[in-house]
Amino acid sequence: MDKIKHAKFREMMTKNKTLILAGKNAENNEELVNQAKNSEDILHTASPGSPFVNIKGRPKKEDVRQAAIFCAAYSKDWKKNKKDVIIHKFKRKDIYKTKEMDKGTFGVKKFMEIKIKKQEIEKWLQSQICK
């Protein structure tokens, strides 16, 4: 995927140089999910109101953790509660959409939970201020 096509998403590069893309709103989340490959990981908070986050390629365990923190930091759950955030990780192939679902809303057949601690989010946010 070239730089021009994914410039509309939030971006982050992990320490291992794995590209992470995140949606900015419901419409953007639709685009993000649609551009992801079936084998790629996607993240979203357990609670409504977060970006969908797409991890490009085959991430290492630490890449997934960094992407989950990124997802949590931009979520309504974090902004409202300032507590630990539960993230769901799933493959693009496990996402479905029905006609009744609003824009930016998807169903997921199976997922794994990742708990992101409050301190991890605060540390990540602090590192972003210092950049």
C-alpha atoms as a PDB file:
ATOM      1  CA  MET A   1       0.000   0.000   0.000  1.00  0.00           C
ATOM      2  CA  ASP A   2       1.509   3.334  -0.938  1.00  0.00           C
ATOM      3  CA  LYS A   3       1.868   6.370   1.316  1.00  0.00           C
ATOM      4  CA  ILE A   4      -0.818   8.410  -0.495  1.00  0.00           C
ATOM      5  CA  LYS A   5      -3.559   5.817   0.087  1.00  0.00           C
ATOM      6  CA  HIS A   6      -3.060   5.452   3.835  1.00  0.00           C
ATOM      7  CA  ALA A   7      -2.166   9.078   4.599  1.00  0.00           C
ATOM      8  CA  LYS A   8      -5.801   9.645   5.616  1.00  0.00           C
ATOM      9  CA  PHE A   9      -5.397   7.299   8.608  1.00  0.00           C
ATOM     10  CA  ARG A  10      -3.523   7.895  11.857  1.00  0.00           C
ATOM     11  CA  GLU A  11      -0.188   6.129  11.593  1.00  0.00           C
ATOM     12  CA  MET A  12       2.378   4.697  13.924  1.00  0.00           C
ATOM     13  CA  MET A  13       5.537   2.700  13.289  1.00  0.00           C
ATOM     14  CA  THR A  14       6.474   0.150  15.950  1.00  0.00           C
ATOM     15  CA  LYS A  15      10.028  -0.318  17.205  1.00  0.00           C
ATOM     16  CA  ASN A  16      10.214  -3.300  14.811  1.00  0.00           C
ATOM     17  CA  LYS A  17       9.185  -1.063  11.869  1.00  0.00           C
ATOM     18  CA  THR A  18       5.683  -2.555  11.587  1.00  0.00           C
ATOM     19  CA  LEU A  19       3.141  -0.095  10.205  1.00  0.00           C
ATOM     20  CA  ILE A  20       0.030   0.519  12.314  1.00  0.00           C
ATOM     21  CA  LEU A  21      -2.986   2.349  10.831  1.00  0.00           C
ATOM     22  CA  ALA A  22      -5.960   3.704  12.806  1.00  0.00           C
ATOM     23  CA  GLY A  23      -9.269   5.193  11.719  1.00  0.00           C
ATOM     24  CA  LYS A  24     -10.264   8.724  12.731  1.00  0.00           C
ATOM     25  CA  ASN A  25     -14.077   8.454  12.615  1.00  0.00           C
ATOM     26  CA  ALA A  26     -16.873   6.049  11.575  1.00  0.00           C
ATOM     27  CA  GLU A  27     -16.424   6.623   7.842  1.00  0.00           C
ATOM     28  CA  ASN A  28     -12.654   6.339   8.133  1.00  0.00           C
ATOM     29  CA  ASN A  29     -13.028   3.112  10.170  1.00  0.00           C
ATOM     30  CA  GLU A  30     -15.072   1.658   7.279  1.00  0.00           C
ATOM     31  CA  GLU A  31     -12.253   2.477   4.855  1.00  0.00           C
ATOM     32  CA  LEU A  32      -9.641   1.073   7.217  1.00  0.00           C
ATOM     33  CA  VAL A  33     -11.439  -2.263   7.647  1.00  0.00           C
ATOM     34  CA  ASN A  34     -12.073  -2.534   3.907  1.00  0.00           C
ATOM     35  CA  GLN A  35      -8.411  -1.992   2.994  1.00  0.00           C
ATOM     36  CA  ALA A  36      -7.117  -4.622   5.445  1.00  0.00           C
ATOM     37  CA  LYS A  37      -6.085  -8.047   4.147  1.00  0.00           C
ATOM     38  CA  ASN A  38      -7.971 -11.087   5.486  1.00  0.00           C
ATOM     39  CA  SER A  39      -4.883 -12.361   7.303  1.00  0.00           C
ATOM     40  CA  GLU A  40      -4.074  -9.056   9.018  1.00  0.00           C
ATOM     41  CA  ASP A  41      -4.807  -8.252  12.647  1.00  0.00           C
ATOM     42  CA  ILE A  42      -7.356  -5.591  13.550  1.00  0.00           C
ATOM     43  CA  LEU A  43      -7.923  -4.137  17.018  1.00  0.00           C
ATOM     44  CA  HIS A  44     -10.817  -2.297  18.666  1.00  0.00           C
ATOM     45  CA  THR A  45     -11.803  -1.621  22.262  1.00  0.00           C
ATOM     46  CA  ALA A  46     -14.347  -3.893  23.930  1.00  0.00           C
ATOM     47  CA  SER A  47     -16.429  -0.737  24.502  1.00  0.00           C
ATOM     48  CA  PRO A  48     -17.853   1.270  21.599  1.00  0.00           C
ATOM     49  CA  GLY A  49     -16.030   4.388  20.496  1.00  0.00           C
ATOM     50  CA  SER A  50     -12.518   3.650  19.384  1.00  0.00           C
ATOM     51  CA  PRO A  51     -10.585   3.621  16.166  1.00  0.00           C
ATOM     52  CA  PHE A  52     -10.254   0.356  14.321  1.00  0.00           C
ATOM     53  CA  VAL A  53      -6.525  -0.328  14.195  1.00  0.00           C
ATOM     54  CA  ASN A  54      -4.924  -2.392  11.413  1.00  0.00           C
ATOM     55  CA  ILE A  55      -1.513  -3.977  11.914  1.00  0.00           C
ATOM     56  CA  LYS A  56       0.103  -4.371   8.506  1.00  0.00           C
ATOM     57  CA  GLY A  57       1.945  -7.594   7.716  1.00  0.00           C
ATOM     58  CA  ARG A  58       2.949 -10.216  10.276  1.00  0.00           C
ATOM     59  CA  PRO A  59       3.543  -8.498  13.616  1.00  0.00           C
ATOM     60  CA  LYS A  60       5.626  -9.700  16.508  1.00  0.00           C
ATOM     61  CA  LYS A  61       4.044  -9.919  19.977  1.00  0.00           C
ATOM     62  CA  GLU A  62       5.486  -6.521  20.995  1.00  0.00           C
ATOM     63  CA  ASP A  63       4.046  -4.921  17.820  1.00  0.00           C
ATOM     64  CA  VAL A  64       0.565  -6.098  18.805  1.00  0.00           C
ATOM     65  CA  ARG A  65       1.041  -4.673  22.315  1.00  0.00           C
ATOM     66  CA  GLN A  66       2.163  -1.285  20.936  1.00  0.00           C
ATOM     67  CA  ALA A  67      -0.807  -1.228  18.539  1.00  0.00           C
ATOM     68  CA  ALA A  68      -3.201  -2.091  21.390  1.00  0.00           C
ATOM     69  CA  ILE A  69      -1.857   0.797  23.482  1.00  0.00           C
ATOM     70  CA  PHE A  70      -2.257   3.095  20.455  1.00  0.00           C
ATOM     71  CA  CYS A  71      -5.882   1.926  20.056  1.00  0.00           C
ATOM     72  CA  ALA A  72      -6.631   2.371  23.771  1.00  0.00           C
ATOM     73  CA  ALA A  73      -5.142   5.880  23.904  1.00  0.00           C
ATOM     74  CA  TYR A  74      -7.531   7.118  21.189  1.00  0.00           C
ATOM     75  CA  SER A  75     -10.623   5.427  22.646  1.00  0.00           C
ATOM     76  CA  LYS A  76     -13.627   7.034  24.328  1.00  0.00           C
ATOM     77  CA  ASP A  77     -13.230   4.465  27.109  1.00  0.00           C
ATOM     78  CA  TRP A  78      -9.796   5.909  27.995  1.00  0.00           C
ATOM     79  CA  LYS A  79     -10.807   9.548  27.564  1.00  0.00           C
ATOM     80  CA  LYS A  80     -13.901   9.098  29.746  1.00  0.00           C
ATOM     81  CA  ASN A  81     -12.627   6.749  32.474  1.00  0.00           C
ATOM     82  CA  LYS A  82      -8.793   7.001  32.614  1.00  0.00           C
ATOM     83  CA  LYS A  83      -8.637   3.316  33.633  1.00  0.00           C
ATOM     84  CA  ASP A  84      -7.320   0.077  32.123  1.00  0.00           C
ATOM     85  CA  VAL A  85      -8.805  -0.601  28.670  1.00  0.00           C
ATOM     86  CA  ILE A  86      -9.781  -3.964  27.187  1.00  0.00           C
ATOM     87  CA  ILE A  87      -8.857  -4.370  23.516  1.00  0.00           C
ATOM     88  CA  HIS A  88     -10.216  -7.019  21.164  1.00  0.00           C
ATOM     89  CA  LYS A  89      -7.800  -8.454  18.578  1.00  0.00           C
ATOM     90  CA  PHE A  90      -9.156 -10.309  15.570  1.00  0.00           C
ATOM     91  CA  LYS A  91      -8.401 -11.113  11.943  1.00  0.00           C
ATOM     92  CA  ARG A  92     -10.000  -9.191   9.084  1.00  0.00           C
ATOM     93  CA  LYS A  93     -11.545 -12.460   7.876  1.00  0.00           C
ATOM     94  CA  ASP A  94     -13.528 -12.680  11.157  1.00  0.00           C
ATOM     95  CA  ILE A  95     -15.329  -9.340  10.610  1.00  0.00           C
ATOM     96  CA  TYR A  96     -18.819  -9.135   9.135  1.00  0.00           C
ATOM     97  CA  LYS A  97     -21.293  -6.377   8.352  1.00  0.00           C
ATOM     98  CA  THR A  98     -25.082  -6.492   7.956  1.00  0.00           C
ATOM     99  CA  LYS A  99     -27.318  -3.897   6.314  1.00  0.00           C
ATOM    100  CA  GLU A 100     -28.730  -2.904   9.713  1.00  0.00           C
ATOM    101  CA  MET A 101     -25.342  -1.909  11.139  1.00  0.00           C
ATOM    102  CA  ASP A 102     -24.418   1.768  11.245  1.00  0.00           C
ATOM    103  CA  LYS A 103     -21.419   3.148   9.421  1.00  0.00           C
ATOM    104  CA  GLY A 104     -18.238   2.246  11.293  1.00  0.00           C
ATOM    105  CA  THR A 105     -19.925  -0.648  13.115  1.00  0.00           C
ATOM    106  CA  PHE A 106     -18.994  -4.280  12.519  1.00  0.00           C
ATOM    107  CA  GLY A 107     -19.593  -7.680  14.022  1.00  0.00           C
ATOM    108  CA  VAL A 108     -16.751 -10.017  14.920  1.00  0.00           C
ATOM    109  CA  LYS A 109     -16.967 -13.824  14.891  1.00  0.00           C
ATOM    110  CA  LYS A 110     -14.024 -14.509  17.226  1.00  0.00           C
ATOM    111  CA  PHE A 111     -11.511 -12.381  19.074  1.00  0.00           C
ATOM    112  CA  MET A 112      -8.825 -12.389  21.734  1.00  0.00           C
ATOM    113  CA  GLU A 113      -8.785  -9.938  24.671  1.00  0.00           C
ATOM    114  CA  ILE A 114      -5.789  -7.807  25.576  1.00  0.00           C
ATOM    115  CA  LYS A 115      -5.811  -5.777  28.789  1.00  0.00           C
ATOM    116  CA  ILE A 116      -3.941  -2.481  28.506  1.00  0.00           C
ATOM    117  CA  LYS A 117      -2.994  -0.999  31.866  1.00  0.00           C
ATOM    118  CA  LYS A 118      -3.612   2.644  32.656  1.00  0.00           C
ATOM    119  CA  GLN A 119       0.126   3.154  33.230  1.00  0.00           C
ATOM    120  CA  GLU A 120       0.980   1.834  29.735  1.00  0.00           C
ATOM    121  CA  ILE A 121      -1.369   4.345  28.113  1.00  0.00           C
ATOM    122  CA  GLU A 122      -0.063   7.220  30.224  1.00  0.00           C
ATOM    123  CA  LYS A 123       3.550   6.307  29.396  1.00  0.00           C
ATOM    124  CA  TRP A 124       2.759   6.113  25.661  1.00  0.00           C
ATOM    125  CA  LEU A 125       0.920   9.449  25.700  1.00  0.00           C
ATOM    126  CA  GLN A 126       3.845  11.065  27.541  1.00  0.00           C
ATOM    127  CA  SER A 127       6.259   9.726  24.904  1.00  0.00           C
ATOM    128  CA  GLN A 128       4.112  11.350  22.190  1.00  0.00           C
ATOM    129  CA  ILE A 129       4.302  14.755  23.895  1.00  0.00           C
ATOM    130  CA  CYS A 130       8.092  14.515  24.028  1.00  0.00           C
ATOM    131  CA  LYS A 131       8.428  13.875  20.269  1.00  0.00           C
END
